[in-house]
């Protein structure tokens, strides 16, 4: 079944609790939380205290996406703050540190996940595939919301779906970047089962209808 994970990067931060509480009734499945450090990506967003605050009020699991340098330094803190899924970028550290971070996340009872940027080959995921409960494919360059969807990521998505089905069928396959009604359906057709929607969700006049159309 297709799942939706609205990205609060596009929410109204003045009314963040209101927007997060509205996600479940509209049909969302996860709350996608983009964490950026200004080093790994050229933007700074939110950190551990906000994740802890969201955990207190969120009706849905927190899908926390770390776009930060050397995330092994912080994974324990994000897990304890309330992340339910914690995603690291394969490009953000050496492979040995990435594996150690994923193992620590799993040991803390949180779903470990990895993400790949558009220019990163699908093969970069393979050393970590069996450890992960979710793989995230970026269909924009990470760092800012509102970018255009990169349709040329679909072959990568299909490849990862084949590998997941063969080697770790319980793993979810997520897409983040430029997802709307048209591109979301394209992602689903190419193997994704979790869609991150930011601008398309929070700018929709009827998020519940947007969700319903995508899941249909």
N, C-alpha and C. Protein backbone atom coordinates (compact mmCIF):
# COMPACT_ATOMS: atom_id res chain seq x y z
N UNK A 1 0.83 -1.20 0.00
CA UNK A 1 0.00 0.00 0.00
C UNK A 1 0.87 1.25 0.00
N UNK A 2 0.51 2.22 -0.80
CA UNK A 2 1.24 3.46 -0.90
C UNK A 2 1.07 4.29 0.37
N UNK A 3 2.17 4.86 0.86
CA UNK A 3 2.14 5.70 2.05
C UNK A 3 2.59 7.11 1.69
N UNK A 4 2.08 8.08 2.45
CA UNK A 4 2.48 9.47 2.25
C UNK A 4 3.15 10.01 3.51
N UNK A 5 4.23 10.76 3.29
CA UNK A 5 4.99 11.34 4.39
C UNK A 5 5.16 12.84 4.12
N UNK A 6 4.19 13.67 4.50
CA UNK A 6 4.32 15.11 4.26
C UNK A 6 5.55 15.68 4.96
N UNK A 7 6.30 16.51 4.23
CA UNK A 7 7.50 17.12 4.79
C UNK A 7 7.16 18.43 5.47
N UNK A 8 7.45 18.51 6.76
CA UNK A 8 7.12 19.74 7.49
C UNK A 8 8.02 20.90 7.12
N UNK A 9 9.00 20.68 6.25
CA UNK A 9 9.79 21.79 5.74
C UNK A 9 8.90 22.81 5.05
N UNK A 10 7.76 22.35 4.52
CA UNK A 10 6.82 23.23 3.83
C UNK A 10 5.64 23.65 4.70
N UNK A 11 5.64 23.25 5.96
CA UNK A 11 4.56 23.61 6.88
C UNK A 11 4.71 25.05 7.34
N UNK A 12 3.69 25.53 8.05
CA UNK A 12 3.73 26.86 8.67
C UNK A 12 4.40 26.71 10.03
N UNK A 13 5.65 27.15 10.16
CA UNK A 13 6.39 26.93 11.41
C UNK A 13 5.78 27.72 12.57
N UNK A 14 5.04 28.76 12.29
CA UNK A 14 4.35 29.48 13.36
C UNK A 14 3.24 28.62 13.94
N UNK A 15 2.66 27.77 13.12
CA UNK A 15 1.56 26.90 13.54
C UNK A 15 1.93 25.43 13.31
N UNK A 16 3.13 25.06 13.69
CA UNK A 16 3.63 23.72 13.38
C UNK A 16 2.80 22.63 14.06
N UNK A 17 2.45 22.82 15.32
CA UNK A 17 1.64 21.80 16.00
C UNK A 17 0.31 21.60 15.27
N UNK A 18 -0.34 22.69 14.89
CA UNK A 18 -1.60 22.59 14.15
C UNK A 18 -1.43 21.78 12.88
N UNK A 19 -0.37 22.09 12.11
CA UNK A 19 -0.17 21.42 10.83
C UNK A 19 0.17 19.95 11.01
N UNK A 20 0.96 19.63 12.03
CA UNK A 20 1.33 18.23 12.27
C UNK A 20 0.12 17.43 12.74
N UNK A 21 -0.67 17.97 13.62
CA UNK A 21 -1.86 17.25 14.10
C UNK A 21 -2.87 17.00 12.99
N UNK A 22 -2.84 17.83 11.94
CA UNK A 22 -3.80 17.68 10.84
C UNK A 22 -3.40 16.59 9.85
N UNK A 23 -2.18 16.09 9.93
CA UNK A 23 -1.70 15.15 8.92
C UNK A 23 -2.43 13.81 8.97
N UNK A 24 -2.57 13.25 10.15
CA UNK A 24 -3.23 11.95 10.29
C UNK A 24 -4.66 11.95 9.77
N UNK A 25 -5.50 12.89 10.21
CA UNK A 25 -6.88 12.92 9.72
C UNK A 25 -6.99 13.09 8.21
N UNK A 26 -5.98 13.69 7.58
CA UNK A 26 -6.01 13.88 6.12
C UNK A 26 -5.52 12.65 5.37
N UNK A 27 -5.01 11.65 6.09
CA UNK A 27 -4.62 10.40 5.45
C UNK A 27 -3.13 10.14 5.36
N UNK A 28 -2.30 11.02 5.94
CA UNK A 28 -0.85 10.79 5.91
C UNK A 28 -0.47 9.61 6.79
N UNK A 29 0.71 9.06 6.53
CA UNK A 29 1.19 7.88 7.27
C UNK A 29 2.39 8.19 8.14
N UNK A 30 3.25 9.11 7.70
CA UNK A 30 4.44 9.51 8.45
C UNK A 30 4.52 11.03 8.47
N UNK A 31 5.28 11.56 9.42
CA UNK A 31 5.67 12.97 9.40
C UNK A 31 7.14 13.02 8.99
N UNK A 32 7.41 13.61 7.84
CA UNK A 32 8.79 13.67 7.34
C UNK A 32 9.46 14.92 7.88
N UNK A 33 10.59 14.72 8.56
CA UNK A 33 11.29 15.81 9.24
C UNK A 33 12.67 15.97 8.61
N UNK A 34 12.89 17.07 7.92
CA UNK A 34 14.16 17.32 7.23
C UNK A 34 15.11 18.08 8.15
N UNK A 35 16.22 17.44 8.46
CA UNK A 35 17.24 18.04 9.34
C UNK A 35 18.45 18.39 8.48
N UNK A 36 18.80 19.67 8.43
CA UNK A 36 19.92 20.14 7.60
C UNK A 36 20.88 20.96 8.46
N UNK A 37 22.18 20.80 8.18
CA UNK A 37 23.18 21.40 9.06
C UNK A 37 23.97 22.55 8.45
N UNK A 38 23.70 22.91 7.19
CA UNK A 38 24.46 23.97 6.57
C UNK A 38 25.85 23.55 6.12
N UNK A 39 26.20 22.28 6.30
CA UNK A 39 27.50 21.76 5.90
C UNK A 39 27.32 20.71 4.80
N UNK A 40 26.57 19.66 5.11
CA UNK A 40 26.31 18.63 4.10
C UNK A 40 25.43 19.19 2.98
N UNK A 41 24.51 20.07 3.34
CA UNK A 41 23.68 20.77 2.36
C UNK A 41 23.71 22.27 2.69
N UNK A 42 23.45 23.13 1.71
CA UNK A 42 23.57 24.58 1.94
C UNK A 42 22.31 25.19 2.55
N UNK A 43 21.85 24.63 3.63
CA UNK A 43 20.67 25.16 4.32
C UNK A 43 20.71 24.67 5.76
N UNK A 44 20.07 25.38 6.65
CA UNK A 44 19.96 24.98 8.05
C UNK A 44 18.48 24.97 8.41
N UNK A 45 18.02 23.86 9.00
CA UNK A 45 16.59 23.80 9.34
C UNK A 45 16.41 23.59 10.84
N UNK A 46 16.12 22.38 11.26
CA UNK A 46 15.77 22.12 12.65
C UNK A 46 16.66 21.02 13.21
N UNK A 47 16.60 20.82 14.53
CA UNK A 47 17.46 19.84 15.15
C UNK A 47 16.76 19.00 16.19
N UNK A 48 17.54 18.48 17.11
CA UNK A 48 17.07 17.50 18.09
C UNK A 48 15.94 18.04 18.97
N UNK A 49 16.00 19.27 19.50
CA UNK A 49 14.90 19.75 20.36
C UNK A 49 13.55 19.79 19.65
N UNK A 50 13.56 20.13 18.36
CA UNK A 50 12.29 20.17 17.63
C UNK A 50 11.74 18.77 17.41
N UNK A 51 12.62 17.81 17.11
CA UNK A 51 12.16 16.42 16.98
C UNK A 51 11.54 15.95 18.29
N UNK A 52 12.17 16.27 19.42
CA UNK A 52 11.62 15.87 20.72
C UNK A 52 10.26 16.51 20.96
N UNK A 53 10.11 17.77 20.56
CA UNK A 53 8.82 18.45 20.72
C UNK A 53 7.76 17.84 19.82
N UNK A 54 8.13 17.52 18.58
CA UNK A 54 7.18 16.90 17.66
C UNK A 54 6.70 15.55 18.18
N UNK A 55 7.60 14.80 18.79
CA UNK A 55 7.24 13.48 19.31
C UNK A 55 6.11 13.58 20.32
N UNK A 56 6.06 14.66 21.06
CA UNK A 56 5.04 14.82 22.10
C UNK A 56 3.64 15.04 21.52
N UNK A 57 3.59 15.56 20.30
CA UNK A 57 2.27 15.93 19.76
C UNK A 57 1.90 15.20 18.47
N UNK A 58 2.86 14.50 17.85
CA UNK A 58 2.59 13.89 16.55
C UNK A 58 1.72 12.64 16.68
N UNK A 59 0.65 12.56 15.90
CA UNK A 59 -0.17 11.35 15.88
C UNK A 59 0.43 10.25 15.01
N UNK A 60 1.50 10.56 14.30
CA UNK A 60 2.09 9.65 13.32
C UNK A 60 3.58 9.42 13.62
N UNK A 61 4.16 8.34 13.11
CA UNK A 61 5.59 8.11 13.28
C UNK A 61 6.41 9.23 12.64
N UNK A 62 7.55 9.53 13.25
CA UNK A 62 8.45 10.56 12.73
C UNK A 62 9.50 9.93 11.82
N UNK A 63 9.47 10.34 10.57
CA UNK A 63 10.39 9.89 9.53
C UNK A 63 11.46 10.98 9.41
N UNK A 64 12.58 10.80 10.13
CA UNK A 64 13.57 11.87 10.27
C UNK A 64 14.70 11.66 9.27
N UNK A 65 14.92 12.65 8.44
CA UNK A 65 15.87 12.59 7.33
C UNK A 65 17.05 13.50 7.66
N UNK A 66 18.19 12.88 8.00
CA UNK A 66 19.38 13.64 8.38
C UNK A 66 20.22 14.00 7.16
N UNK A 67 20.19 15.26 6.79
CA UNK A 67 21.06 15.79 5.75
C UNK A 67 22.18 16.55 6.46
N UNK A 68 23.01 15.78 7.15
CA UNK A 68 24.06 16.36 7.98
C UNK A 68 25.37 15.62 7.78
N UNK A 69 26.46 16.30 8.08
CA UNK A 69 27.79 15.71 7.96
C UNK A 69 28.09 14.79 9.14
N UNK A 70 28.66 13.64 8.87
CA UNK A 70 29.06 12.66 9.89
C UNK A 70 27.94 12.40 10.91
N UNK A 71 26.82 11.87 10.45
CA UNK A 71 25.65 11.70 11.33
C UNK A 71 25.87 10.74 12.49
N UNK A 72 26.90 9.90 12.41
CA UNK A 72 27.15 8.97 13.53
C UNK A 72 27.27 9.72 14.85
N UNK A 73 27.67 10.98 14.81
CA UNK A 73 27.82 11.77 16.03
C UNK A 73 26.50 12.05 16.72
N UNK A 74 25.39 11.98 15.98
CA UNK A 74 24.12 12.44 16.51
C UNK A 74 22.99 11.41 16.48
N UNK A 75 23.23 10.24 15.90
CA UNK A 75 22.10 9.30 15.72
C UNK A 75 21.49 8.88 17.05
N UNK A 76 22.30 8.68 18.07
CA UNK A 76 21.73 8.28 19.36
C UNK A 76 20.82 9.36 19.90
N UNK A 77 21.22 10.63 19.78
CA UNK A 77 20.38 11.73 20.27
C UNK A 77 19.07 11.83 19.51
N UNK A 78 19.11 11.64 18.19
CA UNK A 78 17.87 11.71 17.42
C UNK A 78 16.95 10.53 17.73
N UNK A 79 17.54 9.36 17.95
CA UNK A 79 16.72 8.21 18.33
C UNK A 79 16.03 8.46 19.68
N UNK A 80 16.78 8.96 20.64
CA UNK A 80 16.21 9.21 21.97
C UNK A 80 15.22 10.36 21.96
N UNK A 81 15.37 11.28 20.99
CA UNK A 81 14.42 12.39 20.88
C UNK A 81 13.08 11.95 20.35
N UNK A 82 13.04 10.78 19.65
CA UNK A 82 11.75 10.28 19.20
C UNK A 82 11.63 9.90 17.75
N UNK A 83 12.73 9.87 17.01
CA UNK A 83 12.65 9.41 15.62
C UNK A 83 12.16 7.96 15.58
N UNK A 84 11.25 7.68 14.67
CA UNK A 84 10.79 6.30 14.45
C UNK A 84 11.52 5.66 13.28
N UNK A 85 11.85 6.48 12.29
CA UNK A 85 12.70 6.10 11.16
C UNK A 85 13.81 7.14 11.12
N UNK A 86 15.06 6.71 10.97
CA UNK A 86 16.17 7.66 10.93
C UNK A 86 17.02 7.37 9.70
N UNK A 87 17.05 8.34 8.78
CA UNK A 87 17.71 8.18 7.49
C UNK A 87 19.02 8.96 7.43
N UNK A 88 20.07 8.27 6.99
CA UNK A 88 21.38 8.87 6.80
C UNK A 88 21.71 8.89 5.32
N UNK A 89 22.51 9.84 4.89
CA UNK A 89 22.98 9.85 3.51
C UNK A 89 24.25 9.03 3.38
N UNK A 90 24.31 8.19 2.35
CA UNK A 90 25.52 7.40 2.14
C UNK A 90 26.71 8.29 1.82
N UNK A 91 26.44 9.50 1.32
CA UNK A 91 27.52 10.41 0.95
C UNK A 91 28.08 11.19 2.14
N UNK A 92 27.47 11.07 3.31
CA UNK A 92 27.80 11.95 4.43
C UNK A 92 28.95 11.47 5.30
N UNK A 93 29.45 10.25 5.05
CA UNK A 93 30.54 9.74 5.89
C UNK A 93 31.18 8.54 5.18
N UNK A 94 32.25 8.02 5.79
CA UNK A 94 32.87 6.81 5.27
C UNK A 94 31.94 5.61 5.48
N UNK A 95 32.00 4.61 4.61
CA UNK A 95 31.10 3.46 4.72
C UNK A 95 31.13 2.78 6.09
N UNK A 96 32.30 2.65 6.69
CA UNK A 96 32.38 1.99 8.00
C UNK A 96 31.59 2.76 9.05
N UNK A 97 31.65 4.07 9.01
CA UNK A 97 30.90 4.88 9.96
C UNK A 97 29.40 4.82 9.68
N UNK A 98 29.05 4.78 8.40
CA UNK A 98 27.63 4.66 8.05
C UNK A 98 27.06 3.35 8.57
N UNK A 99 27.79 2.26 8.37
CA UNK A 99 27.34 0.96 8.89
C UNK A 99 27.22 0.99 10.41
N UNK A 100 28.20 1.55 11.09
CA UNK A 100 28.16 1.62 12.55
C UNK A 100 26.97 2.44 13.02
N UNK A 101 26.68 3.53 12.31
CA UNK A 101 25.54 4.37 12.66
C UNK A 101 24.22 3.63 12.49
N UNK A 102 24.10 2.90 11.37
CA UNK A 102 22.87 2.13 11.12
C UNK A 102 22.68 1.04 12.18
N UNK A 103 23.76 0.40 12.55
CA UNK A 103 23.68 -0.64 13.59
C UNK A 103 23.27 -0.04 14.93
N UNK A 104 23.77 1.14 15.23
CA UNK A 104 23.39 1.81 16.48
C UNK A 104 21.91 2.18 16.46
N UNK A 105 21.44 2.69 15.32
CA UNK A 105 20.02 3.05 15.20
C UNK A 105 19.14 1.83 15.45
N UNK A 106 19.48 0.73 14.80
CA UNK A 106 18.70 -0.50 14.98
C UNK A 106 18.73 -0.97 16.43
N UNK A 107 19.89 -0.91 17.06
CA UNK A 107 20.02 -1.35 18.45
C UNK A 107 19.16 -0.51 19.39
N UNK A 108 18.88 0.73 19.00
CA UNK A 108 18.06 1.63 19.82
C UNK A 108 16.57 1.49 19.51
N UNK A 109 16.21 0.54 18.66
CA UNK A 109 14.80 0.26 18.38
C UNK A 109 14.17 1.15 17.34
N UNK A 110 14.99 1.84 16.56
CA UNK A 110 14.51 2.75 15.52
C UNK A 110 14.80 2.11 14.16
N UNK A 111 13.98 2.41 13.16
CA UNK A 111 14.17 1.86 11.81
C UNK A 111 15.34 2.58 11.14
N UNK A 112 16.41 1.85 10.78
CA UNK A 112 17.53 2.49 10.10
C UNK A 112 17.28 2.61 8.60
N UNK A 113 17.76 3.71 8.02
CA UNK A 113 17.52 3.95 6.60
C UNK A 113 18.69 4.71 5.99
N UNK A 114 18.86 4.57 4.67
CA UNK A 114 19.86 5.35 3.96
C UNK A 114 19.21 6.06 2.78
N UNK A 115 19.85 7.16 2.38
CA UNK A 115 19.38 7.94 1.25
C UNK A 115 20.53 8.17 0.28
N UNK A 116 20.16 8.37 -1.00
CA UNK A 116 21.14 8.69 -2.03
C UNK A 116 20.71 9.95 -2.78
N UNK A 117 21.69 10.82 -3.02
CA UNK A 117 21.47 12.01 -3.83
C UNK A 117 21.28 11.63 -5.30
N UNK A 118 20.79 12.57 -6.11
CA UNK A 118 20.57 12.25 -7.53
C UNK A 118 21.81 11.76 -8.27
N UNK A 119 22.99 12.30 -7.97
CA UNK A 119 24.19 11.92 -8.71
C UNK A 119 24.88 10.68 -8.14
N UNK A 120 24.32 10.09 -7.10
CA UNK A 120 24.90 8.89 -6.49
C UNK A 120 24.27 7.65 -7.11
N UNK A 121 25.10 6.71 -7.51
CA UNK A 121 24.61 5.49 -8.14
C UNK A 121 23.87 4.61 -7.14
N UNK A 122 22.95 3.83 -7.65
CA UNK A 122 22.17 2.93 -6.80
C UNK A 122 23.06 1.94 -6.06
N UNK A 123 24.18 1.57 -6.66
CA UNK A 123 25.09 0.59 -6.05
C UNK A 123 25.61 1.03 -4.69
N UNK A 124 25.59 2.32 -4.41
CA UNK A 124 26.08 2.82 -3.12
C UNK A 124 25.25 2.30 -1.95
N UNK A 125 24.03 1.88 -2.24
CA UNK A 125 23.13 1.38 -1.20
C UNK A 125 23.44 -0.07 -0.83
N UNK A 126 23.99 -0.82 -1.75
CA UNK A 126 24.12 -2.27 -1.58
C UNK A 126 24.81 -2.72 -0.29
N UNK A 127 25.89 -2.07 0.15
CA UNK A 127 26.53 -2.54 1.39
C UNK A 127 25.65 -2.44 2.63
N UNK A 128 24.56 -1.66 2.54
CA UNK A 128 23.73 -1.40 3.71
C UNK A 128 22.31 -1.95 3.57
N UNK A 129 22.02 -2.56 2.44
CA UNK A 129 20.63 -2.91 2.13
C UNK A 129 19.99 -3.82 3.18
N UNK A 130 20.72 -4.84 3.61
CA UNK A 130 20.13 -5.78 4.57
C UNK A 130 19.91 -5.16 5.95
N UNK A 131 20.63 -4.09 6.25
CA UNK A 131 20.51 -3.43 7.55
C UNK A 131 19.30 -2.50 7.62
N UNK A 132 18.78 -2.10 6.46
CA UNK A 132 17.82 -0.99 6.40
C UNK A 132 16.37 -1.44 6.38
N UNK A 133 15.52 -0.59 6.95
CA UNK A 133 14.08 -0.77 6.86
C UNK A 133 13.46 0.17 5.84
N UNK A 134 14.29 1.08 5.29
CA UNK A 134 13.80 2.03 4.29
C UNK A 134 15.00 2.55 3.49
N UNK A 135 14.78 2.72 2.19
CA UNK A 135 15.76 3.35 1.31
C UNK A 135 15.08 4.58 0.71
N UNK A 136 15.78 5.71 0.76
CA UNK A 136 15.22 6.97 0.26
C UNK A 136 15.99 7.43 -0.98
N UNK A 137 15.27 7.64 -2.07
CA UNK A 137 15.84 8.16 -3.31
C UNK A 137 15.47 9.62 -3.44
N UNK A 138 16.47 10.49 -3.54
CA UNK A 138 16.22 11.91 -3.74
C UNK A 138 15.97 12.18 -5.23
N UNK A 139 14.87 12.86 -5.51
CA UNK A 139 14.54 13.24 -6.88
C UNK A 139 14.68 14.75 -7.08
N UNK A 140 15.36 15.40 -6.15
CA UNK A 140 15.88 16.76 -6.28
C UNK A 140 17.22 16.78 -5.54
N UNK A 141 18.01 17.83 -5.74
CA UNK A 141 19.23 17.99 -4.94
C UNK A 141 18.81 18.40 -3.52
N UNK A 142 19.26 17.67 -2.50
CA UNK A 142 18.82 17.99 -1.15
C UNK A 142 19.31 19.36 -0.70
N UNK A 143 18.47 20.02 0.11
CA UNK A 143 18.86 21.30 0.66
C UNK A 143 17.73 22.31 0.72
N UNK A 144 16.86 22.32 -0.27
CA UNK A 144 15.78 23.29 -0.31
C UNK A 144 14.51 22.66 -0.87
N UNK A 145 13.37 23.11 -0.40
CA UNK A 145 12.10 22.65 -0.92
C UNK A 145 11.72 23.38 -2.19
N UNK A 146 10.69 22.86 -2.87
CA UNK A 146 10.14 23.54 -4.03
C UNK A 146 10.88 23.34 -5.33
N UNK A 147 11.83 22.38 -5.39
CA UNK A 147 12.57 22.14 -6.63
C UNK A 147 11.78 21.25 -7.58
N UNK A 148 12.22 21.24 -8.83
CA UNK A 148 11.55 20.43 -9.85
C UNK A 148 11.97 18.97 -9.76
N UNK A 149 11.03 18.10 -9.99
CA UNK A 149 11.22 16.65 -9.94
C UNK A 149 12.14 16.18 -11.06
N UNK A 150 13.09 15.30 -10.72
CA UNK A 150 14.02 14.73 -11.69
C UNK A 150 13.50 13.37 -12.16
N UNK A 151 12.86 13.38 -13.31
CA UNK A 151 12.26 12.15 -13.82
C UNK A 151 13.31 11.11 -14.19
N UNK A 152 14.55 11.54 -14.44
CA UNK A 152 15.59 10.59 -14.81
C UNK A 152 16.08 9.75 -13.65
N UNK A 153 15.49 9.92 -12.46
CA UNK A 153 15.80 9.06 -11.32
C UNK A 153 14.99 7.77 -11.34
N UNK A 154 14.05 7.63 -12.27
CA UNK A 154 13.18 6.46 -12.27
C UNK A 154 13.92 5.15 -12.53
N UNK A 155 14.91 5.10 -13.40
CA UNK A 155 15.67 3.84 -13.53
C UNK A 155 16.35 3.44 -12.23
N UNK A 156 16.89 4.40 -11.49
CA UNK A 156 17.50 4.09 -10.19
C UNK A 156 16.45 3.51 -9.25
N UNK A 157 15.26 4.10 -9.27
CA UNK A 157 14.18 3.63 -8.41
C UNK A 157 13.81 2.18 -8.76
N UNK A 158 13.69 1.88 -10.05
CA UNK A 158 13.34 0.52 -10.46
C UNK A 158 14.43 -0.48 -10.05
N UNK A 159 15.68 -0.07 -10.21
CA UNK A 159 16.79 -0.95 -9.82
C UNK A 159 16.74 -1.27 -8.33
N UNK A 160 16.53 -0.23 -7.52
CA UNK A 160 16.48 -0.44 -6.07
C UNK A 160 15.28 -1.30 -5.68
N UNK A 161 14.16 -1.13 -6.37
CA UNK A 161 13.00 -1.99 -6.07
C UNK A 161 13.33 -3.44 -6.35
N UNK A 162 14.03 -3.73 -7.44
CA UNK A 162 14.42 -5.10 -7.75
C UNK A 162 15.33 -5.68 -6.68
N UNK A 163 16.31 -4.89 -6.24
CA UNK A 163 17.24 -5.37 -5.21
C UNK A 163 16.53 -5.57 -3.88
N UNK A 164 15.65 -4.66 -3.53
CA UNK A 164 14.90 -4.81 -2.27
C UNK A 164 14.05 -6.06 -2.30
N UNK A 165 13.33 -6.27 -3.38
CA UNK A 165 12.47 -7.45 -3.49
C UNK A 165 13.28 -8.74 -3.38
N UNK A 166 14.50 -8.71 -3.90
CA UNK A 166 15.33 -9.92 -3.90
C UNK A 166 16.05 -10.14 -2.58
N UNK A 167 16.45 -9.06 -1.92
CA UNK A 167 17.36 -9.20 -0.78
C UNK A 167 16.80 -8.75 0.56
N UNK A 168 15.78 -7.89 0.55
CA UNK A 168 15.22 -7.39 1.82
C UNK A 168 13.79 -6.92 1.58
N UNK A 169 12.88 -7.86 1.32
CA UNK A 169 11.53 -7.48 0.88
C UNK A 169 10.72 -6.69 1.90
N UNK A 170 11.13 -6.68 3.15
CA UNK A 170 10.42 -5.88 4.14
C UNK A 170 10.80 -4.41 4.13
N UNK A 171 11.81 -4.06 3.35
CA UNK A 171 12.32 -2.69 3.30
C UNK A 171 11.39 -1.82 2.45
N UNK A 172 11.13 -0.61 2.92
CA UNK A 172 10.32 0.34 2.15
C UNK A 172 11.22 1.14 1.21
N UNK A 173 10.61 1.64 0.14
CA UNK A 173 11.32 2.46 -0.84
C UNK A 173 10.62 3.81 -0.95
N UNK A 174 11.33 4.84 -0.56
CA UNK A 174 10.75 6.18 -0.43
C UNK A 174 11.35 7.12 -1.47
N UNK A 175 10.56 8.10 -1.90
CA UNK A 175 11.01 9.13 -2.83
C UNK A 175 10.75 10.50 -2.21
N UNK A 176 11.73 11.39 -2.37
CA UNK A 176 11.62 12.74 -1.80
C UNK A 176 12.10 13.75 -2.82
N UNK A 177 11.23 14.71 -3.15
CA UNK A 177 11.64 15.79 -4.03
C UNK A 177 10.71 16.00 -5.20
N UNK A 178 9.97 17.12 -5.20
CA UNK A 178 9.11 17.45 -6.32
C UNK A 178 7.92 16.53 -6.50
N UNK A 179 7.49 15.87 -5.43
CA UNK A 179 6.37 14.92 -5.54
C UNK A 179 5.05 15.67 -5.55
N UNK A 180 4.26 15.43 -6.57
CA UNK A 180 2.90 15.94 -6.65
C UNK A 180 2.02 14.82 -7.19
N UNK A 181 0.81 15.14 -7.58
CA UNK A 181 -0.10 14.07 -8.02
C UNK A 181 0.45 13.32 -9.23
N UNK A 182 1.01 14.04 -10.19
CA UNK A 182 1.53 13.38 -11.40
C UNK A 182 2.82 12.61 -11.11
N UNK A 183 3.78 13.27 -10.48
CA UNK A 183 5.07 12.61 -10.26
C UNK A 183 4.97 11.52 -9.20
N UNK A 184 4.07 11.70 -8.25
CA UNK A 184 3.86 10.66 -7.25
C UNK A 184 3.39 9.35 -7.86
N UNK A 185 2.48 9.46 -8.81
CA UNK A 185 2.00 8.26 -9.50
C UNK A 185 3.12 7.61 -10.31
N UNK A 186 3.97 8.43 -10.90
CA UNK A 186 5.10 7.91 -11.66
C UNK A 186 6.06 7.15 -10.74
N UNK A 187 6.31 7.71 -9.56
CA UNK A 187 7.18 7.03 -8.59
C UNK A 187 6.59 5.69 -8.15
N UNK A 188 5.31 5.68 -7.90
CA UNK A 188 4.65 4.44 -7.49
C UNK A 188 4.73 3.39 -8.59
N UNK A 189 4.57 3.82 -9.83
CA UNK A 189 4.66 2.90 -10.96
C UNK A 189 6.06 2.30 -11.10
N UNK A 190 7.06 3.02 -10.58
CA UNK A 190 8.44 2.57 -10.69
C UNK A 190 8.97 1.94 -9.41
N UNK A 191 8.08 1.65 -8.46
CA UNK A 191 8.46 0.84 -7.33
C UNK A 191 8.44 1.48 -5.97
N UNK A 192 8.23 2.79 -5.88
CA UNK A 192 8.19 3.44 -4.57
C UNK A 192 6.91 3.08 -3.84
N UNK A 193 7.00 2.94 -2.51
CA UNK A 193 5.78 2.73 -1.73
C UNK A 193 5.61 3.80 -0.64
N UNK A 194 6.58 4.74 -0.53
CA UNK A 194 6.43 5.88 0.38
C UNK A 194 6.80 7.14 -0.38
N UNK A 195 5.93 8.13 -0.35
CA UNK A 195 6.15 9.39 -1.06
C UNK A 195 6.23 10.54 -0.07
N UNK A 196 7.30 11.32 -0.17
CA UNK A 196 7.44 12.54 0.62
C UNK A 196 6.90 13.70 -0.21
N UNK A 197 5.90 14.38 0.31
CA UNK A 197 5.32 15.53 -0.38
C UNK A 197 5.40 16.74 0.53
N UNK A 198 6.02 17.80 0.03
CA UNK A 198 6.14 19.02 0.83
C UNK A 198 5.21 20.09 0.35
N UNK A 199 5.65 20.85 -0.65
CA UNK A 199 4.84 21.95 -1.18
C UNK A 199 3.49 21.48 -1.68
N UNK A 200 3.47 20.33 -2.37
CA UNK A 200 2.21 19.84 -2.94
C UNK A 200 1.18 19.54 -1.86
N UNK A 201 1.64 19.07 -0.69
CA UNK A 201 0.72 18.77 0.41
C UNK A 201 0.26 20.05 1.09
N UNK A 202 1.22 20.85 1.53
CA UNK A 202 0.87 21.99 2.38
C UNK A 202 0.28 23.17 1.60
N UNK A 203 0.45 23.20 0.29
CA UNK A 203 -0.18 24.24 -0.52
C UNK A 203 -1.47 23.76 -1.16
N UNK A 204 -1.81 22.50 -0.94
CA UNK A 204 -3.05 21.99 -1.50
C UNK A 204 -4.26 22.58 -0.77
N UNK A 205 -5.29 22.97 -1.50
CA UNK A 205 -6.50 23.46 -0.83
C UNK A 205 -7.23 22.36 -0.07
N UNK A 206 -6.95 21.10 -0.42
CA UNK A 206 -7.60 19.96 0.24
C UNK A 206 -6.60 18.81 0.34
N UNK A 207 -5.74 18.81 1.37
CA UNK A 207 -4.74 17.74 1.49
C UNK A 207 -5.34 16.35 1.53
N UNK A 208 -6.52 16.20 2.13
CA UNK A 208 -7.15 14.88 2.19
C UNK A 208 -7.47 14.38 0.78
N UNK A 209 -7.93 15.27 -0.07
CA UNK A 209 -8.25 14.88 -1.45
C UNK A 209 -6.97 14.58 -2.23
N UNK A 210 -5.94 15.37 -2.01
CA UNK A 210 -4.63 15.13 -2.62
C UNK A 210 -4.12 13.74 -2.24
N UNK A 211 -4.23 13.42 -0.96
CA UNK A 211 -3.80 12.11 -0.46
C UNK A 211 -4.62 10.99 -1.08
N UNK A 212 -5.91 11.18 -1.13
CA UNK A 212 -6.80 10.17 -1.68
C UNK A 212 -6.48 9.88 -3.15
N UNK A 213 -6.22 10.92 -3.92
CA UNK A 213 -5.92 10.74 -5.34
C UNK A 213 -4.61 9.98 -5.52
N UNK A 214 -3.59 10.31 -4.73
CA UNK A 214 -2.33 9.62 -4.86
C UNK A 214 -2.45 8.16 -4.47
N UNK A 215 -3.13 7.89 -3.40
CA UNK A 215 -3.25 6.51 -2.92
C UNK A 215 -4.13 5.67 -3.82
N UNK A 216 -4.98 6.32 -4.59
CA UNK A 216 -5.83 5.59 -5.53
C UNK A 216 -5.01 5.02 -6.69
